[in-house]
Amino acid sequence: MKWETTGGGEFSLAALKGKVAVLYFYPRDNTPGCTQEGKDFAAAHKAFAKLGAAVFGVSPDSLAAHEKFKAKFGFPFELVSDPEKKLCEKFKVWKEKTLYGRNYMGVERSTFVLGRNGKVLREWRGVKVPGHVDEVLAFVEESQ
């Protein structure tokens, strides 16, 4: 299965084989936590690249919304559009959530590091943004 990415690209898990990849799933473009997480991954992008790790942000937002979000903050990595939530469901991050006593379906903020064999090496679920990217980067460094 393939998904569209910013920059006119395509994303597939099969294409990641032989590479280390960081997939971070976030609820929605242009919200405070998601923006900060994107900025944190952008700030660490060169360090991830030096380790040979590709970073991808994933949310159900449209490709058009992703293009604007990426351009607005100058993210140096691609954003994957998953409007049908197929990638979110594959990684089991599409969950029932509660806000102010109301239940709804949404993305549980989560990050996955995939090894060169395509297998998940480490996952973080229910991510709190402060310090998270540093923890992911440290794991990628240690697993080299």
C-alpha atoms as a PDB file:
ATOM      1  CA  MET A   1       0.000   0.000   0.000  1.00  0.00           C
ATOM      2  CA  LYS A   2       1.170   3.541  -0.774  1.00  0.00           C
ATOM      3  CA  TRP A   3       0.361   6.946   0.675  1.00  0.00           C
ATOM      4  CA  GLU A   4       0.945  10.416  -0.750  1.00  0.00           C
ATOM      5  CA  THR A   5       3.529  12.666   0.859  1.00  0.00           C
ATOM      6  CA  THR A   6       4.387  16.315   0.687  1.00  0.00           C
ATOM      7  CA  GLY A   7       6.724  17.207  -2.137  1.00  0.00           C
ATOM      8  CA  GLY A   8       4.817  14.985  -4.582  1.00  0.00           C
ATOM      9  CA  GLY A   9       6.234  11.761  -3.194  1.00  0.00           C
ATOM     10  CA  GLU A  10       4.887   8.390  -2.208  1.00  0.00           C
ATOM     11  CA  PHE A  11       5.370   6.528   1.049  1.00  0.00           C
ATOM     12  CA  SER A  12       5.294   2.763   1.499  1.00  0.00           C
ATOM     13  CA  LEU A  13       6.612   0.540   4.236  1.00  0.00           C
ATOM     14  CA  ALA A  14       8.180  -1.748   1.617  1.00  0.00           C
ATOM     15  CA  ALA A  15      10.285   1.160   0.299  1.00  0.00           C
ATOM     16  CA  LEU A  16      11.815   1.618   3.764  1.00  0.00           C
ATOM     17  CA  LYS A  17      13.492  -1.807   3.755  1.00  0.00           C
ATOM     18  CA  GLY A  18      17.240  -1.395   4.139  1.00  0.00           C
ATOM     19  CA  LYS A  19      16.796   1.962   5.901  1.00  0.00           C
ATOM     20  CA  VAL A  20      16.205   3.136   9.442  1.00  0.00           C
ATOM     21  CA  ALA A  21      13.010   5.169   9.671  1.00  0.00           C
ATOM     22  CA  VAL A  22      11.270   7.217  12.336  1.00  0.00           C
ATOM     23  CA  LEU A  23       7.494   7.445  11.900  1.00  0.00           C
ATOM     24  CA  TYR A  24       5.800   9.885  14.199  1.00  0.00           C
ATOM     25  CA  PHE A  25       2.012   9.908  14.231  1.00  0.00           C
ATOM     26  CA  TYR A  26       0.324  13.096  15.349  1.00  0.00           C
ATOM     27  CA  PRO A  27      -3.334  14.170  15.609  1.00  0.00           C
ATOM     28  CA  ARG A  28      -3.593  17.304  13.484  1.00  0.00           C
ATOM     29  CA  ASP A  29      -1.630  19.938  11.547  1.00  0.00           C
ATOM     30  CA  ASN A  30      -1.303  23.433  13.047  1.00  0.00           C
ATOM     31  CA  THR A  31      -2.259  22.528  16.604  1.00  0.00           C
ATOM     32  CA  PRO A  32       0.102  23.546  19.430  1.00  0.00           C
ATOM     33  CA  GLY A  33       1.450  20.103  20.423  1.00  0.00           C
ATOM     34  CA  CYS A  34       1.724  18.861  16.848  1.00  0.00           C
ATOM     35  CA  THR A  35       3.475  22.029  15.723  1.00  0.00           C
ATOM     36  CA  GLN A  36       5.987  21.799  18.575  1.00  0.00           C
ATOM     37  CA  GLU A  37       6.645  18.125  17.869  1.00  0.00           C
ATOM     38  CA  GLY A  38       7.246  18.913  14.193  1.00  0.00           C
ATOM     39  CA  LYS A  39       9.613  21.759  15.123  1.00  0.00           C
ATOM     40  CA  ASP A  40      11.502  19.449  17.500  1.00  0.00           C
ATOM     41  CA  PHE A  41      11.930  16.778  14.806  1.00  0.00           C
ATOM     42  CA  ALA A  42      12.994  19.516  12.363  1.00  0.00           C
ATOM     43  CA  ALA A  43      15.632  20.809  14.807  1.00  0.00           C
ATOM     44  CA  ALA A  44      17.058  17.279  15.152  1.00  0.00           C
ATOM     45  CA  HIS A  45      16.732  16.416  11.445  1.00  0.00           C
ATOM     46  CA  LYS A  46      20.441  16.733  10.627  1.00  0.00           C
ATOM     47  CA  ALA A  47      21.344  14.475  13.563  1.00  0.00           C
ATOM     48  CA  PHE A  48      18.854  11.822  12.398  1.00  0.00           C
ATOM     49  CA  ALA A  49      20.130  12.121   8.799  1.00  0.00           C
ATOM     50  CA  LYS A  50      23.739  11.731   9.971  1.00  0.00           C
ATOM     51  CA  LEU A  51      22.682   8.410  11.528  1.00  0.00           C
ATOM     52  CA  GLY A  52      20.986   7.380   8.280  1.00  0.00           C
ATOM     53  CA  ALA A  53      17.477   7.637   9.748  1.00  0.00           C
ATOM     54  CA  ALA A  54      14.646   9.080   7.648  1.00  0.00           C
ATOM     55  CA  VAL A  55      11.898  10.944   9.539  1.00  0.00           C
ATOM     56  CA  PHE A  56       8.239  10.987   8.450  1.00  0.00           C
ATOM     57  CA  GLY A  57       5.311  12.728  10.123  1.00  0.00           C
ATOM     58  CA  VAL A  58       1.946  10.975   9.680  1.00  0.00           C
ATOM     59  CA  SER A  59      -1.580  12.238  10.302  1.00  0.00           C
ATOM     60  CA  PRO A  60      -5.032  11.906   8.722  1.00  0.00           C
ATOM     61  CA  ASP A  61      -4.845  15.487   7.409  1.00  0.00           C
ATOM     62  CA  SER A  62      -5.175  16.098   3.666  1.00  0.00           C
ATOM     63  CA  LEU A  63      -2.141  16.459   1.450  1.00  0.00           C
ATOM     64  CA  ALA A  64      -3.040  20.141   0.879  1.00  0.00           C
ATOM     65  CA  ALA A  65      -3.113  20.773   4.651  1.00  0.00           C
ATOM     66  CA  HIS A  66       0.238  18.971   5.021  1.00  0.00           C
ATOM     67  CA  GLU A  67       1.836  21.054   2.258  1.00  0.00           C
ATOM     68  CA  LYS A  68       0.777  24.291   4.002  1.00  0.00           C
ATOM     69  CA  PHE A  69       1.902  23.011   7.425  1.00  0.00           C
ATOM     70  CA  LYS A  70       5.286  21.897   6.091  1.00  0.00           C
ATOM     71  CA  ALA A  71       5.848  25.165   4.230  1.00  0.00           C
ATOM     72  CA  LYS A  72       4.757  27.328   7.169  1.00  0.00           C
ATOM     73  CA  PHE A  73       7.347  25.793   9.494  1.00  0.00           C
ATOM     74  CA  GLY A  74       9.980  24.717   6.953  1.00  0.00           C
ATOM     75  CA  PHE A  75       9.998  21.063   7.965  1.00  0.00           C
ATOM     76  CA  PRO A  76      12.929  19.318   6.227  1.00  0.00           C
ATOM     77  CA  PHE A  77      11.135  15.929   6.169  1.00  0.00           C
ATOM     78  CA  GLU A  78       8.019  14.698   4.403  1.00  0.00           C
ATOM     79  CA  LEU A  79       4.543  14.467   5.899  1.00  0.00           C
ATOM     80  CA  VAL A  80       2.413  11.447   5.001  1.00  0.00           C
ATOM     81  CA  SER A  81      -1.291  11.982   4.342  1.00  0.00           C
ATOM     82  CA  ASP A  82      -3.454   9.155   5.729  1.00  0.00           C
ATOM     83  CA  PRO A  83      -7.067  10.383   5.337  1.00  0.00           C
ATOM     84  CA  GLU A  84      -8.451   6.835   5.310  1.00  0.00           C
ATOM     85  CA  LYS A  85      -6.462   6.065   8.490  1.00  0.00           C
ATOM     86  CA  LYS A  86      -5.046   2.842   7.005  1.00  0.00           C
ATOM     87  CA  LEU A  87      -1.472   3.522   8.174  1.00  0.00           C
ATOM     88  CA  CYS A  88      -2.793   4.723  11.539  1.00  0.00           C
ATOM     89  CA  GLU A  89      -4.772   1.497  11.895  1.00  0.00           C
ATOM     90  CA  LYS A  90      -1.785  -0.633  10.857  1.00  0.00           C
ATOM     91  CA  PHE A  91       0.217   0.861  13.740  1.00  0.00           C
ATOM     92  CA  LYS A  92      -2.841   0.795  16.054  1.00  0.00           C
ATOM     93  CA  VAL A  93      -2.728   4.536  16.786  1.00  0.00           C
ATOM     94  CA  TRP A  94      -6.327   5.271  15.647  1.00  0.00           C
ATOM     95  CA  LYS A  95      -8.072   5.075  19.016  1.00  0.00           C
ATOM     96  CA  GLU A  96     -11.025   6.193  21.022  1.00  0.00           C
ATOM     97  CA  LYS A  97     -10.066   9.281  22.999  1.00  0.00           C
ATOM     98  CA  THR A  98     -11.862  11.431  25.563  1.00  0.00           C
ATOM     99  CA  LEU A  99     -11.895  15.220  25.774  1.00  0.00           C
ATOM    100  CA  TYR A 100     -14.037  17.060  28.306  1.00  0.00           C
ATOM    101  CA  GLY A 101     -16.043  13.886  28.895  1.00  0.00           C
ATOM    102  CA  ARG A 102     -16.790  13.403  25.193  1.00  0.00           C
ATOM    103  CA  ASN A 103     -15.546  10.286  23.387  1.00  0.00           C
ATOM    104  CA  TYR A 104     -14.254  10.525  19.824  1.00  0.00           C
ATOM    105  CA  MET A 105     -11.852   8.732  17.484  1.00  0.00           C
ATOM    106  CA  GLY A 106      -8.416  10.223  16.899  1.00  0.00           C
ATOM    107  CA  VAL A 107      -4.681   9.623  16.612  1.00  0.00           C
ATOM    108  CA  GLU A 108      -2.833   8.644  19.757  1.00  0.00           C
ATOM    109  CA  ARG A 109       0.447  10.591  19.497  1.00  0.00           C
ATOM    110  CA  SER A 110       2.990   7.814  18.923  1.00  0.00           C
ATOM    111  CA  THR A 111       6.447   7.283  17.435  1.00  0.00           C
ATOM    112  CA  PHE A 112       7.979   4.159  15.924  1.00  0.00           C
ATOM    113  CA  VAL A 113      11.581   3.446  14.950  1.00  0.00           C
ATOM    114  CA  LEU A 114      11.809   0.875  12.164  1.00  0.00           C
ATOM    115  CA  GLY A 115      15.005  -1.069  11.564  1.00  0.00           C
ATOM    116  CA  ARG A 116      16.595  -1.863   8.221  1.00  0.00           C
ATOM    117  CA  ASN A 117      14.598  -5.125   8.161  1.00  0.00           C
ATOM    118  CA  GLY A 118      11.338  -3.152   8.353  1.00  0.00           C
ATOM    119  CA  LYS A 119      10.538  -4.355  11.884  1.00  0.00           C
ATOM    120  CA  VAL A 120       9.620  -2.030  14.740  1.00  0.00           C
ATOM    121  CA  LEU A 121      12.676  -1.625  16.985  1.00  0.00           C
ATOM    122  CA  ARG A 122      10.982   0.644  19.516  1.00  0.00           C
ATOM    123  CA  GLU A 123       7.649   2.366  19.998  1.00  0.00           C
ATOM    124  CA  TRP A 124       6.434   5.207  22.143  1.00  0.00           C
ATOM    125  CA  ARG A 125       2.669   5.595  22.678  1.00  0.00           C
ATOM    126  CA  GLY A 126       0.742   8.410  24.334  1.00  0.00           C
ATOM    127  CA  VAL A 127       3.742  10.663  23.716  1.00  0.00           C
ATOM    128  CA  LYS A 128       4.243  13.848  25.694  1.00  0.00           C
ATOM    129  CA  VAL A 129       6.053  16.284  23.388  1.00  0.00           C
ATOM    130  CA  PRO A 130       8.668  17.905  25.697  1.00  0.00           C
ATOM    131  CA  GLY A 131      11.922  15.920  25.487  1.00  0.00           C
ATOM    132  CA  HIS A 132      10.444  13.223  23.247  1.00  0.00           C
ATOM    133  CA  VAL A 133      12.566  13.850  20.148  1.00  0.00           C
ATOM    134  CA  ASP A 134      15.758  13.751  22.245  1.00  0.00           C
ATOM    135  CA  GLU A 135      14.706  10.337  23.574  1.00  0.00           C
ATOM    136  CA  VAL A 136      14.031   9.031  20.041  1.00  0.00           C
ATOM    137  CA  LEU A 137      17.362  10.372  18.779  1.00  0.00           C
ATOM    138  CA  ALA A 138      19.226   8.788  21.698  1.00  0.00           C
ATOM    139  CA  PHE A 139      17.595   5.432  20.899  1.00  0.00           C
ATOM    140  CA  VAL A 140      18.550   5.662  17.212  1.00  0.00           C
ATOM    141  CA  GLU A 141      22.157   6.512  18.196  1.00  0.00           C
ATOM    142  CA  GLU A 142      22.335   3.566  20.635  1.00  0.00           C
ATOM    143  CA  SER A 143      20.857   1.113  18.146  1.00  0.00           C
ATOM    144  CA  GLN A 144      23.443   1.812  15.433  1.00  0.00           C
END
